[in-house]
């Protein structure tokens, strides 16, 4: 009899403990609209970690057009487009073809002489010119005074004193018409005429 009473008491105690536990659990949590148990503030609920939506967005994000462009540019066997700034292949050749070649006049080495006349207030006078040419350069000059009038003779002497420094050491082709030389303005006329003849003689012998 005593044993049965002890068993009954134990049974009721267990039932009471279970009821108290259920009441405590019910007070510590609540459910939301979808029936999911929401823990009260201060309680810790350990859930299974889930991958964040941000991570999944990054993994599943479609490839941008910029990435596709870079991939297409590195495809093996693809040829890059030529730069528009590169000069046309025929441009340089056309420019070279249009540039005229500079052909220097060649004179034969040697000594050439010519006598020319010119007019003065006293009448016609003559002057003799002798040039020595080597590699197209005047290496020697001799001017002979052939004037008859004393005044013309004096001016030819002045011309002879000043002309050598203007001719010797210069290219024969670079020598052109002289005007007044050392105060003489008429003698250069005869000298220029003789110079033209000397150039013609040198060209004929060189051809």
C-alpha atoms as a PDB file:
ATOM      1  CA  UNK A   1       0.000   0.000   0.000  1.00  0.00           C
ATOM      2  CA  UNK A   2       2.800   2.421   0.907  1.00  0.00           C
ATOM      3  CA  UNK A   3       4.644   1.606  -2.293  1.00  0.00           C
ATOM      4  CA  UNK A   4       1.646   2.453  -4.473  1.00  0.00           C
ATOM      5  CA  UNK A   5       1.239   5.779  -2.737  1.00  0.00           C
ATOM      6  CA  UNK A   6       4.908   6.576  -3.290  1.00  0.00           C
ATOM      7  CA  UNK A   7       4.592   5.770  -6.999  1.00  0.00           C
ATOM      8  CA  UNK A   8       1.525   7.971  -7.317  1.00  0.00           C
ATOM      9  CA  UNK A   9       3.316  10.898  -5.658  1.00  0.00           C
ATOM     10  CA  UNK A  10       6.282  10.478  -7.930  1.00  0.00           C
ATOM     11  CA  UNK A  11       4.032  10.420 -10.994  1.00  0.00           C
ATOM     12  CA  UNK A  12       2.283  13.619  -9.988  1.00  0.00           C
ATOM     13  CA  UNK A  13       5.568  15.341  -9.259  1.00  0.00           C
ATOM     14  CA  UNK A  14       6.842  14.493 -12.748  1.00  0.00           C
ATOM     15  CA  UNK A  15       3.654  15.798 -14.331  1.00  0.00           C
ATOM     16  CA  UNK A  16       4.014  19.028 -12.355  1.00  0.00           C
ATOM     17  CA  UNK A  17       7.599  19.453 -13.487  1.00  0.00           C
ATOM     18  CA  UNK A  18       6.587  18.950 -17.120  1.00  0.00           C
ATOM     19  CA  UNK A  19       3.805  21.511 -16.829  1.00  0.00           C
ATOM     20  CA  UNK A  20       6.107  24.068 -15.253  1.00  0.00           C
ATOM     21  CA  UNK A  21       8.689  23.480 -17.999  1.00  0.00           C
ATOM     22  CA  UNK A  22       6.081  23.982 -20.715  1.00  0.00           C
ATOM     23  CA  UNK A  23       4.897  27.178 -19.072  1.00  0.00           C
ATOM     24  CA  UNK A  24       8.464  28.458 -18.860  1.00  0.00           C
ATOM     25  CA  UNK A  25       9.102  27.645 -22.524  1.00  0.00           C
ATOM     26  CA  UNK A  26       5.883  29.314 -23.568  1.00  0.00           C
ATOM     27  CA  UNK A  27       6.826  32.467 -21.679  1.00  0.00           C
ATOM     28  CA  UNK A  28      10.330  32.657 -23.164  1.00  0.00           C
ATOM     29  CA  UNK A  29       9.334  32.460 -26.843  1.00  0.00           C
ATOM     30  CA  UNK A  30       6.615  33.551 -29.185  1.00  0.00           C
ATOM     31  CA  UNK A  31       5.638  32.826 -32.765  1.00  0.00           C
ATOM     32  CA  UNK A  32       5.411  35.205 -35.695  1.00  0.00           C
ATOM     33  CA  UNK A  33       2.701  35.325 -38.365  1.00  0.00           C
ATOM     34  CA  UNK A  34       4.185  32.310 -40.210  1.00  0.00           C
ATOM     35  CA  UNK A  35       4.348  30.198 -37.080  1.00  0.00           C
ATOM     36  CA  UNK A  36       8.092  30.496 -36.660  1.00  0.00           C
ATOM     37  CA  UNK A  37       9.207  30.595 -33.022  1.00  0.00           C
ATOM     38  CA  UNK A  38      10.800  33.962 -32.242  1.00  0.00           C
ATOM     39  CA  UNK A  39      12.997  33.989 -29.104  1.00  0.00           C
ATOM     40  CA  UNK A  40      12.480  36.700 -26.510  1.00  0.00           C
ATOM     41  CA  UNK A  41      15.093  39.402 -25.980  1.00  0.00           C
ATOM     42  CA  UNK A  42      18.014  38.104 -23.975  1.00  0.00           C
ATOM     43  CA  UNK A  43      17.676  34.490 -25.136  1.00  0.00           C
ATOM     44  CA  UNK A  44      20.186  32.946 -27.528  1.00  0.00           C
ATOM     45  CA  UNK A  45      19.013  30.791 -30.339  1.00  0.00           C
ATOM     46  CA  UNK A  46      21.652  28.867 -32.240  1.00  0.00           C
ATOM     47  CA  UNK A  47      20.612  28.401 -35.829  1.00  0.00           C
ATOM     48  CA  UNK A  48      22.304  26.717 -38.716  1.00  0.00           C
ATOM     49  CA  UNK A  49      24.455  29.352 -40.569  1.00  0.00           C
ATOM     50  CA  UNK A  50      23.064  30.269 -43.957  1.00  0.00           C
ATOM     51  CA  UNK A  51      24.863  31.875 -46.822  1.00  0.00           C
ATOM     52  CA  UNK A  52      24.010  35.551 -46.997  1.00  0.00           C
ATOM     53  CA  UNK A  53      22.075  36.922 -49.919  1.00  0.00           C
ATOM     54  CA  UNK A  54      24.969  39.211 -50.634  1.00  0.00           C
ATOM     55  CA  UNK A  55      27.346  36.274 -51.164  1.00  0.00           C
ATOM     56  CA  UNK A  56      24.890  34.484 -53.371  1.00  0.00           C
ATOM     57  CA  UNK A  57      24.378  37.645 -55.409  1.00  0.00           C
ATOM     58  CA  UNK A  58      28.078  37.947 -56.046  1.00  0.00           C
ATOM     59  CA  UNK A  59      28.451  34.340 -57.079  1.00  0.00           C
ATOM     60  CA  UNK A  60      25.421  34.338 -59.371  1.00  0.00           C
ATOM     61  CA  UNK A  61      25.890  37.856 -60.782  1.00  0.00           C
ATOM     62  CA  UNK A  62      26.075  37.823 -64.584  1.00  0.00           C
ATOM     63  CA  UNK A  63      29.312  38.753 -66.307  1.00  0.00           C
ATOM     64  CA  UNK A  64      29.447  42.410 -67.263  1.00  0.00           C
ATOM     65  CA  UNK A  65      30.061  43.648 -70.777  1.00  0.00           C
ATOM     66  CA  UNK A  66      33.413  45.063 -69.726  1.00  0.00           C
ATOM     67  CA  UNK A  67      34.634  41.626 -68.613  1.00  0.00           C
ATOM     68  CA  UNK A  68      33.389  40.104 -71.850  1.00  0.00           C
ATOM     69  CA  UNK A  69      35.270  42.696 -73.808  1.00  0.00           C
ATOM     70  CA  UNK A  70      38.525  41.953 -71.993  1.00  0.00           C
ATOM     71  CA  UNK A  71      38.029  38.214 -72.532  1.00  0.00           C
ATOM     72  CA  UNK A  72      37.335  38.677 -76.219  1.00  0.00           C
ATOM     73  CA  UNK A  73      40.460  40.800 -76.605  1.00  0.00           C
ATOM     74  CA  UNK A  74      42.607  38.014 -75.143  1.00  0.00           C
ATOM     75  CA  UNK A  75      41.171  35.191 -77.250  1.00  0.00           C
ATOM     76  CA  UNK A  76      44.118  33.300 -78.811  1.00  0.00           C
ATOM     77  CA  UNK A  77      44.507  33.819 -82.526  1.00  0.00           C
ATOM     78  CA  UNK A  78      42.629  37.132 -82.578  1.00  0.00           C
ATOM     79  CA  UNK A  79      44.321  39.980 -84.470  1.00  0.00           C
ATOM     80  CA  UNK A  80      44.232  43.518 -83.061  1.00  0.00           C
ATOM     81  CA  UNK A  81      42.849  46.200 -85.297  1.00  0.00           C
ATOM     82  CA  UNK A  82      45.545  48.462 -86.815  1.00  0.00           C
ATOM     83  CA  UNK A  83      45.920  51.893 -85.236  1.00  0.00           C
ATOM     84  CA  UNK A  84      44.274  54.708 -87.165  1.00  0.00           C
ATOM     85  CA  UNK A  85      47.246  56.962 -86.364  1.00  0.00           C
ATOM     86  CA  UNK A  86      49.673  54.765 -88.313  1.00  0.00           C
ATOM     87  CA  UNK A  87      50.778  56.466 -91.550  1.00  0.00           C
ATOM     88  CA  UNK A  88      49.736  54.991 -94.831  1.00  0.00           C
ATOM     89  CA  UNK A  89      52.316  52.708 -96.374  1.00  0.00           C
ATOM     90  CA  UNK A  90      52.495  54.642 -99.612  1.00  0.00           C
ATOM     91  CA  UNK A  91      52.644  58.088 -98.031  1.00  0.00           C
ATOM     92  CA  UNK A  92      56.378  58.152 -97.368  1.00  0.00           C
ATOM     93  CA  UNK A  93      57.207  56.666-100.743  1.00  0.00           C
ATOM     94  CA  UNK A  94      55.094  59.272-102.535  1.00  0.00           C
ATOM     95  CA  UNK A  95      56.793  62.071-100.626  1.00  0.00           C
ATOM     96  CA  UNK A  96      60.217  60.696-101.448  1.00  0.00           C
ATOM     97  CA  UNK A  97      59.297  60.349-105.105  1.00  0.00           C
ATOM     98  CA  UNK A  98      58.029  63.940-105.275  1.00  0.00           C
ATOM     99  CA  UNK A  99      61.217  65.407-103.744  1.00  0.00           C
ATOM    100  CA  UNK A 100      63.445  66.593-106.576  1.00  0.00           C
ATOM    101  CA  UNK A 101      67.049  65.502-106.549  1.00  0.00           C
ATOM    102  CA  UNK A 102      69.632  68.224-106.251  1.00  0.00           C
ATOM    103  CA  UNK A 103      72.165  67.791-109.031  1.00  0.00           C
ATOM    104  CA  UNK A 104      75.296  69.866-108.551  1.00  0.00           C
ATOM    105  CA  UNK A 105      76.884  71.377-111.606  1.00  0.00           C
ATOM    106  CA  UNK A 106      80.227  69.696-112.272  1.00  0.00           C
ATOM    107  CA  UNK A 107      83.092  71.611-113.814  1.00  0.00           C
ATOM    108  CA  UNK A 108      86.229  70.036-115.218  1.00  0.00           C
ATOM    109  CA  UNK A 109      89.455  70.801-113.429  1.00  0.00           C
ATOM    110  CA  UNK A 110      91.724  73.165-115.332  1.00  0.00           C
ATOM    111  CA  UNK A 111      92.615  76.772-116.061  1.00  0.00           C
ATOM    112  CA  UNK A 112      90.290  78.871-118.200  1.00  0.00           C
ATOM    113  CA  UNK A 113      90.732  82.379-119.616  1.00  0.00           C
ATOM    114  CA  UNK A 114      88.452  84.900-121.250  1.00  0.00           C
ATOM    115  CA  UNK A 115      88.674  88.552-122.324  1.00  0.00           C
ATOM    116  CA  UNK A 116      85.595  90.757-122.227  1.00  0.00           C
ATOM    117  CA  UNK A 117      84.873  94.391-123.045  1.00  0.00           C
ATOM    118  CA  UNK A 118      82.723  97.029-121.339  1.00  0.00           C
ATOM    119  CA  UNK A 119      81.860 100.703-121.965  1.00  0.00           C
ATOM    120  CA  UNK A 120      83.283 103.655-120.025  1.00  0.00           C
ATOM    121  CA  UNK A 121      82.928 107.439-120.458  1.00  0.00           C
ATOM    122  CA  UNK A 122      86.266 107.346-122.266  1.00  0.00           C
ATOM    123  CA  UNK A 123      85.145 104.532-124.591  1.00  0.00           C
ATOM    124  CA  UNK A 124      85.318 100.742-124.715  1.00  0.00           C
ATOM    125  CA  UNK A 125      87.804  98.996-122.483  1.00  0.00           C
ATOM    126  CA  UNK A 126      88.781  95.335-122.082  1.00  0.00           C
ATOM    127  CA  UNK A 127      89.757  93.147-119.128  1.00  0.00           C
ATOM    128  CA  UNK A 128      91.262  89.647-119.141  1.00  0.00           C
ATOM    129  CA  UNK A 129      90.185  87.030-116.574  1.00  0.00           C
ATOM    130  CA  UNK A 130      91.933  83.703-115.884  1.00  0.00           C
ATOM    131  CA  UNK A 131      90.449  81.145-113.449  1.00  0.00           C
ATOM    132  CA  UNK A 132      91.869  77.871-112.132  1.00  0.00           C
ATOM    133  CA  UNK A 133      89.224  75.313-111.093  1.00  0.00           C
ATOM    134  CA  UNK A 134      89.719  72.183-108.992  1.00  0.00           C
ATOM    135  CA  UNK A 135      86.799  70.034-107.714  1.00  0.00           C
ATOM    136  CA  UNK A 136      84.373  72.803-108.723  1.00  0.00           C
ATOM    137  CA  UNK A 137      86.233  75.313-106.515  1.00  0.00           C
ATOM    138  CA  UNK A 138      88.181  78.330-107.786  1.00  0.00           C
ATOM    139  CA  UNK A 139      91.757  77.861-106.567  1.00  0.00           C
ATOM    140  CA  UNK A 140      93.364  80.683-108.539  1.00  0.00           C
ATOM    141  CA  UNK A 141      92.414  83.993-110.175  1.00  0.00           C
ATOM    142  CA  UNK A 142      94.407  86.365-112.387  1.00  0.00           C
ATOM    143  CA  UNK A 143      92.904  89.587-113.772  1.00  0.00           C
ATOM    144  CA  UNK A 144      94.993  91.487-116.328  1.00  0.00           C
ATOM    145  CA  UNK A 145      94.525  95.227-116.684  1.00  0.00           C
ATOM    146  CA  UNK A 146      94.077  96.048-120.391  1.00  0.00           C
ATOM    147  CA  UNK A 147      92.558  99.536-120.071  1.00  0.00           C
ATOM    148  CA  UNK A 148      93.899 102.304-122.352  1.00  0.00           C
ATOM    149  CA  UNK A 149      92.414 105.342-120.609  1.00  0.00           C
ATOM    150  CA  UNK A 150      94.329 106.359-117.437  1.00  0.00           C
ATOM    151  CA  UNK A 151      91.124 106.713-115.430  1.00  0.00           C
ATOM    152  CA  UNK A 152      89.843 103.309-116.579  1.00  0.00           C
ATOM    153  CA  UNK A 153      93.282 101.849-115.878  1.00  0.00           C
ATOM    154  CA  UNK A 154      93.135 103.172-112.311  1.00  0.00           C
ATOM    155  CA  UNK A 155      89.708 101.692-111.707  1.00  0.00           C
ATOM    156  CA  UNK A 156      90.811  98.310-113.074  1.00  0.00           C
ATOM    157  CA  UNK A 157      93.686  98.307-110.575  1.00  0.00           C
ATOM    158  CA  UNK A 158      91.253  98.981-107.743  1.00  0.00           C
ATOM    159  CA  UNK A 159      89.038  96.162-108.974  1.00  0.00           C
ATOM    160  CA  UNK A 160      91.967  93.711-109.102  1.00  0.00           C
ATOM    161  CA  UNK A 161      92.898  94.495-105.485  1.00  0.00           C
ATOM    162  CA  UNK A 162      89.404  93.670-104.213  1.00  0.00           C
ATOM    163  CA  UNK A 163      88.182  90.787-106.396  1.00  0.00           C
ATOM    164  CA  UNK A 164      90.499  87.954-105.314  1.00  0.00           C
ATOM    165  CA  UNK A 165      89.052  87.621-101.813  1.00  0.00           C
ATOM    166  CA  UNK A 166      85.538  87.396-103.299  1.00  0.00           C
ATOM    167  CA  UNK A 167      86.363  84.599-105.759  1.00  0.00           C
ATOM    168  CA  UNK A 168      89.262  82.388-104.637  1.00  0.00           C
ATOM    169  CA  UNK A 169      88.127  79.504-102.415  1.00  0.00           C
ATOM    170  CA  UNK A 170      84.504  79.774-103.561  1.00  0.00           C
ATOM    171  CA  UNK A 171      82.517  77.296-105.618  1.00  0.00           C
ATOM    172  CA  UNK A 172      82.542  78.305-109.273  1.00  0.00           C
ATOM    173  CA  UNK A 173      78.818  77.666-109.530  1.00  0.00           C
ATOM    174  CA  UNK A 174      78.113  80.022-106.600  1.00  0.00           C
ATOM    175  CA  UNK A 175      79.760  82.998-108.329  1.00  0.00           C
ATOM    176  CA  UNK A 176      77.189  85.320-109.865  1.00  0.00           C
ATOM    177  CA  UNK A 177      77.228  88.895-111.180  1.00  0.00           C
ATOM    178  CA  UNK A 178      79.285  91.406-109.201  1.00  0.00           C
ATOM    179  CA  UNK A 179      78.332  95.065-108.935  1.00  0.00           C
ATOM    180  CA  UNK A 180      80.787  97.556-107.425  1.00  0.00           C
ATOM    181  CA  UNK A 181      84.084  96.121-106.167  1.00  0.00           C
ATOM    182  CA  UNK A 182      86.521  98.298-104.222  1.00  0.00           C
ATOM    183  CA  UNK A 183      85.063 101.493-105.731  1.00  0.00           C
ATOM    184  CA  UNK A 184      85.045 100.191-109.310  1.00  0.00           C
ATOM    185  CA  UNK A 185      81.576  99.863-110.840  1.00  0.00           C
ATOM    186  CA  UNK A 186      82.295  99.510-114.569  1.00  0.00           C
ATOM    187  CA  UNK A 187      85.127  96.968-114.549  1.00  0.00           C
ATOM    188  CA  UNK A 188      82.831  94.345-112.892  1.00  0.00           C
ATOM    189  CA  UNK A 189      80.671  94.486-116.019  1.00  0.00           C
ATOM    190  CA  UNK A 190      83.551  93.163-118.121  1.00  0.00           C
ATOM    191  CA  UNK A 191      84.510  90.666-115.382  1.00  0.00           C
ATOM    192  CA  UNK A 192      80.970  89.254-115.219  1.00  0.00           C
ATOM    193  CA  UNK A 193      80.932  88.711-118.984  1.00  0.00           C
ATOM    194  CA  UNK A 194      84.279  86.896-118.823  1.00  0.00           C
ATOM    195  CA  UNK A 195      83.029  84.759-115.905  1.00  0.00           C
ATOM    196  CA  UNK A 196      80.054  83.555-117.955  1.00  0.00           C
ATOM    197  CA  UNK A 197      82.417  82.461-120.739  1.00  0.00           C
ATOM    198  CA  UNK A 198      84.709  80.617-118.305  1.00  0.00           C
ATOM    199  CA  UNK A 199      81.774  78.681-116.802  1.00  0.00           C
ATOM    200  CA  UNK A 200      80.633  77.660-120.262  1.00  0.00           C
ATOM    201  CA  UNK A 201      84.140  76.448-121.165  1.00  0.00           C
ATOM    202  CA  UNK A 202      84.368  74.339-117.990  1.00  0.00           C
ATOM    203  CA  UNK A 203      80.929  72.779-118.552  1.00  0.00           C
ATOM    204  CA  UNK A 204      81.743  71.821-122.151  1.00  0.00           C
ATOM    205  CA  UNK A 205      84.937  70.075-121.135  1.00  0.00           C
ATOM    206  CA  UNK A 206      83.229  68.243-118.257  1.00  0.00           C
ATOM    207  CA  UNK A 207      80.420  66.837-120.438  1.00  0.00           C
END
